[in-house]
Full PDB file with SEQRES, HELIX, SHEET, SSBOND, CRYST1, ORIGX, SCALE, CONECT and MASTER records, all heavy atoms in Angstrom:
SEQRES   1 A   39  MET ASN SER ALA VAL ALA TYR GLY ASP TYR LEU TYR ILE          
SEQRES   2 A   39  GLU ASP ARG SER ASP VAL ILE SER ILE TYR ASP ALA THR          
SEQRES   3 A   39  LEU THR LYS VAL GLY GLU THR ASP SER LEU TYR ASP ALA          
SHEET    1 AA1 4 SER A   3  TYR A   7  0                                        
SHEET    2 AA1 4 TYR A  10  GLU A  14 -1                                        
SHEET    3 AA1 4 ILE A  20  TYR A  23 -1                                        
SHEET    4 AA1 4 LYS A  29  THR A  33 -1                                        
CRYST1    1.000    1.000    1.000  90.00  90.00  90.00 P 1           1          
ORIGX1      1.000000  0.000000  0.000000        0.00000                         
ORIGX2      0.000000  1.000000  0.000000        0.00000                         
ORIGX3      0.000000  0.000000  1.000000        0.00000                         
SCALE1      1.000000  0.000000  0.000000        0.00000                         
SCALE2      0.000000  1.000000  0.000000        0.00000                         
SCALE3      0.000000  0.000000  1.000000        0.00000                         
ATOM      1  N   MET A   1     112.721  98.083 114.142  1.00  0.00           N  
ATOM      2  CA  MET A   1     111.882  96.941 114.498  1.00  0.00           C  
ATOM      3  C   MET A   1     110.419  97.334 114.560  1.00  0.00           C  
ATOM      4  O   MET A   1     110.025  98.178 115.347  1.00  0.00           O  
ATOM      5  CB  MET A   1     112.297  96.373 115.855  1.00  0.00           C  
ATOM      6  CG  MET A   1     112.323  94.849 115.924  1.00  0.00           C  
ATOM      7  SD  MET A   1     110.754  93.998 115.644  1.00  0.00           S  
ATOM      8  CE  MET A   1     109.823  94.521 117.064  1.00  0.00           C  
ATOM      9  N   ASN A   2     109.631  96.717 113.698  1.00  0.00           N  
ATOM     10  CA  ASN A   2     108.186  96.872 113.751  1.00  0.00           C  
ATOM     11  C   ASN A   2     107.513  95.538 114.032  1.00  0.00           C  
ATOM     12  O   ASN A   2     106.634  95.435 114.873  1.00  0.00           O  
ATOM     13  CB  ASN A   2     107.653  97.468 112.449  1.00  0.00           C  
ATOM     14  CG  ASN A   2     106.176  97.763 112.508  1.00  0.00           C  
ATOM     15  OD1 ASN A   2     105.700  98.338 113.490  1.00  0.00           O  
ATOM     16  ND2 ASN A   2     105.436  97.383 111.481  1.00  0.00           N  
ATOM     17  N   SER A   3     107.949  94.475 113.323  1.00  0.00           N  
ATOM     18  CA  SER A   3     107.450  93.115 113.531  1.00  0.00           C  
ATOM     19  C   SER A   3     108.610  92.154 113.332  1.00  0.00           C  
ATOM     20  O   SER A   3     109.561  92.447 112.596  1.00  0.00           O  
ATOM     21  CB  SER A   3     106.327  92.776 112.544  1.00  0.00           C  
ATOM     22  OG  SER A   3     105.222  93.632 112.711  1.00  0.00           O  
ATOM     23  N   ALA A   4     108.500  90.983 113.981  1.00  0.00           N  
ATOM     24  CA  ALA A   4     109.580  89.996 113.867  1.00  0.00           C  
ATOM     25  C   ALA A   4     109.011  88.587 113.916  1.00  0.00           C  
ATOM     26  O   ALA A   4     108.039  88.318 114.624  1.00  0.00           O  
ATOM     27  CB  ALA A   4     110.605  90.193 114.977  1.00  0.00           C  
ATOM     28  N   VAL A   5     109.642  87.679 113.155  1.00  0.00           N  
ATOM     29  CA  VAL A   5     109.294  86.258 113.153  1.00  0.00           C  
ATOM     30  C   VAL A   5     110.596  85.473 113.209  1.00  0.00           C  
ATOM     31  O   VAL A   5     111.579  85.813 112.540  1.00  0.00           O  
ATOM     32  CB  VAL A   5     108.493  85.869 111.889  1.00  0.00           C  
ATOM     33  CG1 VAL A   5     108.190  84.369 111.894  1.00  0.00           C  
ATOM     34  CG2 VAL A   5     107.203  86.667 111.803  1.00  0.00           C  
ATOM     35  N   ALA A   6     110.614  84.413 114.029  1.00  0.00           N  
ATOM     36  CA  ALA A   6     111.797  83.563 114.154  1.00  0.00           C  
ATOM     37  C   ALA A   6     111.654  82.320 113.290  1.00  0.00           C  
ATOM     38  O   ALA A   6     110.590  81.692 113.255  1.00  0.00           O  
ATOM     39  CB  ALA A   6     111.995  83.170 115.610  1.00  0.00           C  
ATOM     40  N   TYR A   7     112.742  81.977 112.579  1.00  0.00           N  
ATOM     41  CA  TYR A   7     112.831  80.732 111.817  1.00  0.00           C  
ATOM     42  C   TYR A   7     114.132  80.037 112.206  1.00  0.00           C  
ATOM     43  O   TYR A   7     115.193  80.349 111.674  1.00  0.00           O  
ATOM     44  CB  TYR A   7     112.808  80.998 110.315  1.00  0.00           C  
ATOM     45  CG  TYR A   7     111.515  81.563 109.806  1.00  0.00           C  
ATOM     46  CD1 TYR A   7     111.376  82.926 109.557  1.00  0.00           C  
ATOM     47  CD2 TYR A   7     110.409  80.742 109.586  1.00  0.00           C  
ATOM     48  CE1 TYR A   7     110.186  83.450 109.091  1.00  0.00           C  
ATOM     49  CE2 TYR A   7     109.206  81.267 109.131  1.00  0.00           C  
ATOM     50  CZ  TYR A   7     109.101  82.621 108.881  1.00  0.00           C  
ATOM     51  OH  TYR A   7     107.910  83.129 108.425  1.00  0.00           O  
ATOM     52  N   GLY A   8     114.052  79.141 113.186  1.00  0.00           N  
ATOM     53  CA  GLY A   8     115.251  78.460 113.646  1.00  0.00           C  
ATOM     54  C   GLY A   8     116.241  79.440 114.232  1.00  0.00           C  
ATOM     55  O   GLY A   8     115.930  80.214 115.145  1.00  0.00           O  
ATOM     56  N   ASP A   9     117.467  79.457 113.674  1.00  0.00           N  
ATOM     57  CA  ASP A   9     118.506  80.352 114.171  1.00  0.00           C  
ATOM     58  C   ASP A   9     118.407  81.758 113.592  1.00  0.00           C  
ATOM     59  O   ASP A   9     119.211  82.630 113.940  1.00  0.00           O  
ATOM     60  CB  ASP A   9     119.890  79.780 113.835  1.00  0.00           C  
ATOM     61  CG  ASP A   9     120.222  78.557 114.667  1.00  0.00           C  
ATOM     62  OD1 ASP A   9     119.623  78.398 115.748  1.00  0.00           O  
ATOM     63  OD2 ASP A   9     121.078  77.769 114.231  1.00  0.00           O  
ATOM     64  N   TYR A  10     117.435  81.997 112.711  1.00  0.00           N  
ATOM     65  CA  TYR A  10     117.345  83.266 111.999  1.00  0.00           C  
ATOM     66  C   TYR A  10     116.122  84.069 112.434  1.00  0.00           C  
ATOM     67  O   TYR A  10     115.098  83.518 112.827  1.00  0.00           O  
ATOM     68  CB  TYR A  10     117.293  83.022 110.493  1.00  0.00           C  
ATOM     69  CG  TYR A  10     118.587  82.451 109.951  1.00  0.00           C  
ATOM     70  CD1 TYR A  10     118.830  81.079 110.000  1.00  0.00           C  
ATOM     71  CD2 TYR A  10     119.560  83.280 109.415  1.00  0.00           C  
ATOM     72  CE1 TYR A  10     120.030  80.554 109.513  1.00  0.00           C  
ATOM     73  CE2 TYR A  10     120.764  82.764 108.926  1.00  0.00           C  
ATOM     74  CZ  TYR A  10     120.988  81.394 108.990  1.00  0.00           C  
ATOM     75  OH  TYR A  10     122.173  80.890 108.518  1.00  0.00           O  
ATOM     76  N   LEU A  11     116.268  85.393 112.323  1.00  0.00           N  
ATOM     77  CA  LEU A  11     115.179  86.319 112.606  1.00  0.00           C  
ATOM     78  C   LEU A  11     114.853  87.107 111.342  1.00  0.00           C  
ATOM     79  O   LEU A  11     115.749  87.626 110.671  1.00  0.00           O  
ATOM     80  CB  LEU A  11     115.577  87.299 113.715  1.00  0.00           C  
ATOM     81  CG  LEU A  11     115.671  86.730 115.130  1.00  0.00           C  
ATOM     82  CD1 LEU A  11     116.264  87.770 116.069  1.00  0.00           C  
ATOM     83  CD2 LEU A  11     114.318  86.278 115.631  1.00  0.00           C  
ATOM     84  N   TYR A  12     113.552  87.178 111.030  1.00  0.00           N  
ATOM     85  CA  TYR A  12     113.071  88.017 109.937  1.00  0.00           C  
ATOM     86  C   TYR A  12     112.397  89.225 110.585  1.00  0.00           C  
ATOM     87  O   TYR A  12     111.390  89.072 111.290  1.00  0.00           O  
ATOM     88  CB  TYR A  12     112.086  87.255 109.065  1.00  0.00           C  
ATOM     89  CG  TYR A  12     112.718  86.204 108.172  1.00  0.00           C  
ATOM     90  CD1 TYR A  12     113.707  85.342 108.652  1.00  0.00           C  
ATOM     91  CD2 TYR A  12     112.337  86.075 106.857  1.00  0.00           C  
ATOM     92  CE1 TYR A  12     114.287  84.390 107.842  1.00  0.00           C  
ATOM     93  CE2 TYR A  12     112.911  85.118 106.025  1.00  0.00           C  
ATOM     94  CZ  TYR A  12     113.888  84.273 106.528  1.00  0.00           C  
ATOM     95  OH  TYR A  12     114.463  83.322 105.717  1.00  0.00           O  
ATOM     96  N   ILE A  13     112.957  90.401 110.360  1.00  0.00           N  
ATOM     97  CA  ILE A  13     112.525  91.601 111.070  1.00  0.00           C  
ATOM     98  C   ILE A  13     112.119  92.675 110.073  1.00  0.00           C  
ATOM     99  O   ILE A  13     112.901  93.058 109.193  1.00  0.00           O  
ATOM    100  CB  ILE A  13     113.630  92.130 112.001  1.00  0.00           C  
ATOM    101  CG1 ILE A  13     113.941  91.072 113.081  1.00  0.00           C  
ATOM    102  CG2 ILE A  13     113.204  93.440 112.649  1.00  0.00           C  
ATOM    103  CD1 ILE A  13     115.079  91.441 113.997  1.00  0.00           C  
ATOM    104  N   GLU A  14     110.904  93.159 110.210  1.00  0.00           N  
ATOM    105  CA  GLU A  14     110.398  94.260 109.393  1.00  0.00           C  
ATOM    106  C   GLU A  14     110.598  95.560 110.162  1.00  0.00           C  
ATOM    107  O   GLU A  14     110.164  95.689 111.309  1.00  0.00           O  
ATOM    108  CB  GLU A  14     108.928  94.052 109.077  1.00  0.00           C  
ATOM    109  CG  GLU A  14     108.321  95.134 108.206  1.00  0.00           C  
ATOM    110  CD  GLU A  14     106.850  94.888 107.919  1.00  0.00           C  
ATOM    111  OE1 GLU A  14     106.127  94.445 108.842  1.00  0.00           O  
ATOM    112  OE2 GLU A  14     106.429  95.136 106.771  1.00  0.00           O  
ATOM    113  N   ASP A  15     111.273  96.516 109.543  1.00  0.00           N  
ATOM    114  CA  ASP A  15     111.490  97.793 110.223  1.00  0.00           C  
ATOM    115  C   ASP A  15     110.301  98.726 109.977  1.00  0.00           C  
ATOM    116  O   ASP A  15     109.325  98.356 109.330  1.00  0.00           O  
ATOM    117  CB  ASP A  15     112.818  98.424 109.804  1.00  0.00           C  
ATOM    118  CG  ASP A  15     112.858  98.833 108.342  1.00  0.00           C  
ATOM    119  OD1 ASP A  15     111.785  99.025 107.730  1.00  0.00           O  
ATOM    120  OD2 ASP A  15     113.979  98.968 107.802  1.00  0.00           O  
ATOM    121  N   ARG A  16     110.385  99.941 110.483  1.00  0.00           N  
ATOM    122  CA  ARG A  16     109.248 100.861 110.395  1.00  0.00           C  
ATOM    123  C   ARG A  16     109.168 101.569 109.041  1.00  0.00           C  
ATOM    124  O   ARG A  16     108.298 102.407 108.829  1.00  0.00           O  
ATOM    125  CB  ARG A  16     109.289 101.853 111.561  1.00  0.00           C  
ATOM    126  CG  ARG A  16     109.068 101.145 112.898  1.00  0.00           C  
ATOM    127  CD  ARG A  16     109.139 102.050 114.094  1.00  0.00           C  
ATOM    128  NE  ARG A  16     109.130 101.257 115.325  1.00  0.00           N  
ATOM    129  CZ  ARG A  16     108.068 101.074 116.097  1.00  0.00           C  
ATOM    130  NH1 ARG A  16     106.918 101.635 115.776  1.00  0.00           N  
ATOM    131  NH2 ARG A  16     108.161 100.335 117.196  1.00  0.00           N  
ATOM    132  N   SER A  17     110.057 101.166 108.133  1.00  0.00           N  
ATOM    133  CA  SER A  17     109.961 101.618 106.736  1.00  0.00           C  
ATOM    134  C   SER A  17     109.495 100.488 105.835  1.00  0.00           C  
ATOM    135  O   SER A  17     109.605 100.581 104.613  1.00  0.00           O  
ATOM    136  CB  SER A  17     111.327 102.133 106.256  1.00  0.00           C  
ATOM    137  OG  SER A  17     111.766 103.219 107.042  1.00  0.00           O  
ATOM    138  N   ASP A  18     109.016  99.383 106.453  1.00  0.00           N  
ATOM    139  CA  ASP A  18     108.476  98.219 105.743  1.00  0.00           C  
ATOM    140  C   ASP A  18     109.538  97.401 105.027  1.00  0.00           C  
ATOM    141  O   ASP A  18     109.207  96.580 104.157  1.00  0.00           O  
ATOM    142  CB  ASP A  18     107.384  98.624 104.737  1.00  0.00           C  
ATOM    143  CG  ASP A  18     106.207  99.320 105.399  1.00  0.00           C  
ATOM    144  OD1 ASP A  18     105.889  98.960 106.547  1.00  0.00           O  
ATOM    145  OD2 ASP A  18     105.619 100.223 104.777  1.00  0.00           O  
ATOM    146  N   VAL A  19     110.804  97.581 105.350  1.00  0.00           N  
ATOM    147  CA  VAL A  19     111.873  96.749 104.805  1.00  0.00           C  
ATOM    148  C   VAL A  19     112.052  95.537 105.711  1.00  0.00           C  
ATOM    149  O   VAL A  19     112.157  95.671 106.935  1.00  0.00           O  
ATOM    150  CB  VAL A  19     113.197  97.532 104.702  1.00  0.00           C  
ATOM    151  CG1 VAL A  19     114.336  96.621 104.235  1.00  0.00           C  
ATOM    152  CG2 VAL A  19     113.033  98.722 103.766  1.00  0.00           C  
ATOM    153  N   ILE A  20     112.071  94.335 105.108  1.00  0.00           N  
ATOM    154  CA  ILE A  20     112.201  93.099 105.871  1.00  0.00           C  
ATOM    155  C   ILE A  20     113.609  92.557 105.700  1.00  0.00           C  
ATOM    156  O   ILE A  20     114.025  92.218 104.581  1.00  0.00           O  
ATOM    157  CB  ILE A  20     111.170  92.053 105.413  1.00  0.00           C  
ATOM    158  CG1 ILE A  20     109.752  92.616 105.562  1.00  0.00           C  
ATOM    159  CG2 ILE A  20     111.325  90.758 106.212  1.00  0.00           C  
ATOM    160  CD1 ILE A  20     108.686  91.766 104.921  1.00  0.00           C  
ATOM    161  N   SER A  21     114.339  92.481 106.800  1.00  0.00           N  
ATOM    162  CA  SER A  21     115.724  92.013 106.783  1.00  0.00           C  
ATOM    163  C   SER A  21     115.835  90.666 107.477  1.00  0.00           C  
ATOM    164  O   SER A  21     115.064  90.346 108.386  1.00  0.00           O  
ATOM    165  CB  SER A  21     116.642  93.024 107.486  1.00  0.00           C  
ATOM    166  OG  SER A  21     116.585  94.285 106.844  1.00  0.00           O  
ATOM    167  N   ILE A  22     116.819  89.869 107.034  1.00  0.00           N  
ATOM    168  CA  ILE A  22     117.102  88.568 107.633  1.00  0.00           C  
ATOM    169  C   ILE A  22     118.379  88.702 108.453  1.00  0.00           C  
ATOM    170  O   ILE A  22     119.416  89.182 107.953  1.00  0.00           O  
ATOM    171  CB  ILE A  22     117.281  87.494 106.549  1.00  0.00           C  
ATOM    172  CG1 ILE A  22     116.036  87.419 105.660  1.00  0.00           C  
ATOM    173  CG2 ILE A  22     117.576  86.137 107.185  1.00  0.00           C  
ATOM    174  CD1 ILE A  22     116.193  86.519 104.450  1.00  0.00           C  
ATOM    175  N   TYR A  23     118.309  88.277 109.722  1.00  0.00           N  
ATOM    176  CA  TYR A  23     119.458  88.333 110.626  1.00  0.00           C  
ATOM    177  C   TYR A  23     119.836  86.921 111.061  1.00  0.00           C  
ATOM    178  O   TYR A  23     118.958  86.085 111.312  1.00  0.00           O  
ATOM    179  CB  TYR A  23     119.129  89.167 111.864  1.00  0.00           C  
ATOM    180  CG  TYR A  23     118.885  90.635 111.588  1.00  0.00           C  
ATOM    181  CD1 TYR A  23     117.623  91.090 111.205  1.00  0.00           C  
ATOM    182  CD2 TYR A  23     119.912  91.565 111.720  1.00  0.00           C  
ATOM    183  CE1 TYR A  23     117.395  92.441 110.954  1.00  0.00           C  
ATOM    184  CE2 TYR A  23     119.697  92.917 111.476  1.00  0.00           C  
ATOM    185  CZ  TYR A  23     118.428  93.342 111.096  1.00  0.00           C  
ATOM    186  OH  TYR A  23     118.204  94.679 110.837  1.00  0.00           O  
ATOM    187  N   ASP A  24     121.139  86.685 111.195  1.00  0.00           N  
ATOM    188  CA  ASP A  24     121.587  85.371 111.663  1.00  0.00           C  
ATOM    189  C   ASP A  24     121.668  85.349 113.186  1.00  0.00           C  
ATOM    190  O   ASP A  24     121.224  86.295 113.865  1.00  0.00           O  
ATOM    191  CB  ASP A  24     122.919  84.985 111.011  1.00  0.00           C  
ATOM    192  CG  ASP A  24     124.091  85.866 111.456  1.00  0.00           C  
ATOM    193  OD1 ASP A  24     123.941  86.653 112.419  1.00  0.00           O  
ATOM    194  OD2 ASP A  24     125.164  85.767 110.835  1.00  0.00           O  
ATOM    195  N   ALA A  25     122.251  84.282 113.730  1.00  0.00           N  
ATOM    196  CA  ALA A  25     122.265  84.086 115.183  1.00  0.00           C  
ATOM    197  C   ALA A  25     123.115  85.100 115.923  1.00  0.00           C  
ATOM    198  O   ALA A  25     123.019  85.220 117.146  1.00  0.00           O  
ATOM    199  CB  ALA A  25     122.752  82.673 115.506  1.00  0.00           C  
ATOM    200  N   THR A  26     123.959  85.859 115.213  1.00  0.00           N  
ATOM    201  CA  THR A  26     124.754  86.914 115.845  1.00  0.00           C  
ATOM    202  C   THR A  26     124.128  88.283 115.646  1.00  0.00           C  
ATOM    203  O   THR A  26     124.741  89.293 115.968  1.00  0.00           O  
ATOM    204  CB  THR A  26     126.181  86.927 115.272  1.00  0.00           C  
ATOM    205  OG1 THR A  26     126.128  87.293 113.880  1.00  0.00           O  
ATOM    206  CG2 THR A  26     126.829  85.552 115.403  1.00  0.00           C  
ATOM    207  N   LEU A  27     122.913  88.333 115.100  1.00  0.00           N  
ATOM    208  CA  LEU A  27     122.192  89.550 114.765  1.00  0.00           C  
ATOM    209  C   LEU A  27     122.929  90.347 113.682  1.00  0.00           C  
ATOM    210  O   LEU A  27     122.908  91.573 113.665  1.00  0.00           O  
ATOM    211  CB  LEU A  27     121.916  90.417 115.997  1.00  0.00           C  
ATOM    212  CG  LEU A  27     120.697  91.364 115.863  1.00  0.00           C  
ATOM    213  CD1 LEU A  27     119.415  90.580 115.651  1.00  0.00           C  
ATOM    214  CD2 LEU A  27     120.560  92.264 117.075  1.00  0.00           C  
ATOM    215  N   THR A  28     123.560  89.601 112.800  1.00  0.00           N  
ATOM    216  CA  THR A  28     124.181  90.197 111.622  1.00  0.00           C  
ATOM    217  C   THR A  28     123.209  90.097 110.455  1.00  0.00           C  
ATOM    218  O   THR A  28     122.661  89.022 110.190  1.00  0.00           O  
ATOM    219  CB  THR A  28     125.487  89.475 111.266  1.00  0.00           C  
ATOM    220  OG1 THR A  28     126.396  89.581 112.355  1.00  0.00           O  
ATOM    221  CG2 THR A  28     126.114  90.079 110.010  1.00  0.00           C  
ATOM    222  N   LYS A  29     122.991  91.199 109.756  1.00  0.00           N  
ATOM    223  CA  LYS A  29     122.082  91.194 108.615  1.00  0.00           C  
ATOM    224  C   LYS A  29     122.704  90.402 107.472  1.00  0.00           C  
ATOM    225  O   LYS A  29     123.815  90.687 107.028  1.00  0.00           O  
ATOM    226  CB  LYS A  29     121.781  92.626 108.173  1.00  0.00           C  
ATOM    227  CG  LYS A  29     120.774  92.724 107.039  1.00  0.00           C  
ATOM    228  CD  LYS A  29     120.452  94.180 106.717  1.00  0.00           C  
ATOM    229  CE  LYS A  29     119.514  94.297 105.534  1.00  0.00           C  
ATOM    230  NZ  LYS A  29     119.159  95.695 105.207  1.00  0.00           N  
ATOM    231  N   VAL A  30     121.955  89.389 106.971  1.00  0.00           N  
ATOM    232  CA  VAL A  30     122.478  88.532 105.908  1.00  0.00           C  
ATOM    233  C   VAL A  30     121.655  88.616 104.634  1.00  0.00           C  
ATOM    234  O   VAL A  30     121.992  87.967 103.631  1.00  0.00           O  
ATOM    235  CB  VAL A  30     122.557  87.065 106.381  1.00  0.00           C  
ATOM    236  CG1 VAL A  30     123.562  86.922 107.506  1.00  0.00           C  
ATOM    237  CG2 VAL A  30     121.192  86.541 106.803  1.00  0.00           C  
ATOM    238  N   GLY A  31     120.568  89.384 104.643  1.00  0.00           N  
ATOM    239  CA  GLY A  31     119.769  89.502 103.433  1.00  0.00           C  
ATOM    240  C   GLY A  31     118.473  90.227 103.682  1.00  0.00           C  
ATOM    241  O   GLY A  31     118.192  90.668 104.800  1.00  0.00           O  
ATOM    242  N   GLU A  32     117.686  90.356 102.605  1.00  0.00           N  
ATOM    243  CA  GLU A  32     116.357  90.956 102.689  1.00  0.00           C  
ATOM    244  C   GLU A  32     115.356  90.046 101.988  1.00  0.00           C  
ATOM    245  O   GLU A  32     115.731  89.192 101.175  1.00  0.00           O  
ATOM    246  CB  GLU A  32     116.345  92.348 102.043  1.00  0.00           C  
ATOM    247  CG  GLU A  32     117.172  93.384 102.795  1.00  0.00           C  
ATOM    248  CD  GLU A  32     117.052  94.773 102.192  1.00  0.00           C  
ATOM    249  OE1 GLU A  32     116.344  94.924 101.165  1.00  0.00           O  
ATOM    250  OE2 GLU A  32     117.665  95.715 102.749  1.00  0.00           O  
ATOM    251  N   THR A  33     114.075  90.213 102.292  1.00  0.00           N  
ATOM    252  CA  THR A  33     113.030  89.402 101.688  1.00  0.00           C  
ATOM    253  C   THR A  33     111.754  90.234 101.578  1.00  0.00           C  
ATOM    254  O   THR A  33     111.674  91.337 102.142  1.00  0.00           O  
ATOM    255  CB  THR A  33     112.783  88.119 102.502  1.00  0.00           C  
ATOM    256  OG1 THR A  33     111.815  87.312 101.838  1.00  0.00           O  
ATOM    257  CG2 THR A  33     112.297  88.448 103.906  1.00  0.00           C  
ATOM    258  N   ASP A  34     110.771  89.676 100.882  1.00  0.00           N  
ATOM    259  CA  ASP A  34     109.521  90.407 100.661  1.00  0.00           C  
ATOM    260  C   ASP A  34     108.431  90.054 101.661  1.00  0.00           C  
ATOM    261  O   ASP A  34     107.409  90.731 101.712  1.00  0.00           O  
ATOM    262  CB  ASP A  34     108.998  90.135  99.249  1.00  0.00           C  
ATOM    263  CG  ASP A  34     109.938  90.665  98.167  1.00  0.00           C  
ATOM    264  OD1 ASP A  34     110.589  91.695  98.424  1.00  0.00           O  
ATOM    265  OD2 ASP A  34     110.014  90.044  97.100  1.00  0.00           O  
ATOM    266  N   SER A  35     108.616  88.982 102.435  1.00  0.00           N  
ATOM    267  CA  SER A  35     107.557  88.522 103.338  1.00  0.00           C  
ATOM    268  C   SER A  35     108.131  88.077 104.668  1.00  0.00           C  
ATOM    269  O   SER A  35     109.179  87.413 104.726  1.00  0.00           O  
ATOM    270  CB  SER A  35     106.785  87.356 102.694  1.00  0.00           C  
ATOM    271  OG  SER A  35     105.868  86.801 103.617  1.00  0.00           O  
ATOM    272  N   LEU A  36     107.427  88.436 105.731  1.00  0.00           N  
ATOM    273  CA  LEU A  36     107.797  87.948 107.053  1.00  0.00           C  
ATOM    274  C   LEU A  36     107.447  86.482 107.237  1.00  0.00           C  
ATOM    275  O   LEU A  36     107.982  85.813 108.121  1.00  0.00           O  
ATOM    276  CB  LEU A  36     107.056  88.753 108.134  1.00  0.00           C  
ATOM    277  CG  LEU A  36     107.680  90.019 108.690  1.00  0.00           C  
ATOM    278  CD1 LEU A  36     106.742  90.644 109.699  1.00  0.00           C  
ATOM    279  CD2 LEU A  36     109.033  89.746 109.318  1.00  0.00           C  
ATOM    280  N   TYR A  37     106.558  85.959 106.428  1.00  0.00           N  
ATOM    281  CA  TYR A  37     105.920  84.687 106.746  1.00  0.00           C  
ATOM    282  C   TYR A  37     106.310  83.545 105.823  1.00  0.00           C  
ATOM    283  O   TYR A  37     105.736  82.462 105.902  1.00  0.00           O  
ATOM    284  CB  TYR A  37     104.400  84.882 106.751  1.00  0.00           C  
ATOM    285  CG  TYR A  37     104.006  85.977 107.715  1.00  0.00           C  
ATOM    286  CD1 TYR A  37     103.601  87.219 107.253  1.00  0.00           C  
ATOM    287  CD2 TYR A  37     104.126  85.790 109.084  1.00  0.00           C  
ATOM    288  CE1 TYR A  37     103.278  88.235 108.139  1.00  0.00           C  
ATOM    289  CE2 TYR A  37     103.815  86.801 109.976  1.00  0.00           C  
ATOM    290  CZ  TYR A  37     103.386  88.025 109.502  1.00  0.00           C  
ATOM    291  OH  TYR A  37     103.089  89.033 110.376  1.00  0.00           O  
ATOM    292  N   ASP A  38     107.309  83.767 104.962  1.00  0.00           N  
ATOM    293  CA  ASP A  38     107.848  82.694 104.141  1.00  0.00           C  
ATOM    294  C   ASP A  38     109.362  82.732 104.234  1.00  0.00           C  
ATOM    295  O   ASP A  38     109.994  83.721 103.837  1.00  0.00           O  
ATOM    296  CB  ASP A  38     107.418  82.838 102.675  1.00  0.00           C  
ATOM    297  CG  ASP A  38     105.983  82.410 102.445  1.00  0.00           C  
ATOM    298  OD1 ASP A  38     105.550  81.445 103.104  1.00  0.00           O  
ATOM    299  OD2 ASP A  38     105.292  83.048 101.641  1.00  0.00           O  
ATOM    300  N   ALA A  39     109.953  81.650 104.739  1.00  0.00           N  
ATOM    301  CA  ALA A  39     111.408  81.553 104.818  1.00  0.00           C  
ATOM    302  C   ALA A  39     111.967  80.678 103.708  1.00  0.00           C  
ATOM    303  O   ALA A  39     113.161  80.369 103.702  1.00  0.00           O  
ATOM    304  CB  ALA A  39     111.824  80.994 106.175  1.00  0.00           C  
TER     305      ALA A  39                                                      
MASTER        0    0    0    0    4    0    0    6  304    1    0    3          
END                                                                             
């Protein structure tokens, strides 16, 4: 965890290696993306 943004039931979390992962409401990783600020 380096930065995080919430979009409804989902969390977009950038780790300290600059990888941005998408987590669902159970904190299960469901995907990756290139930006914290576009869902």
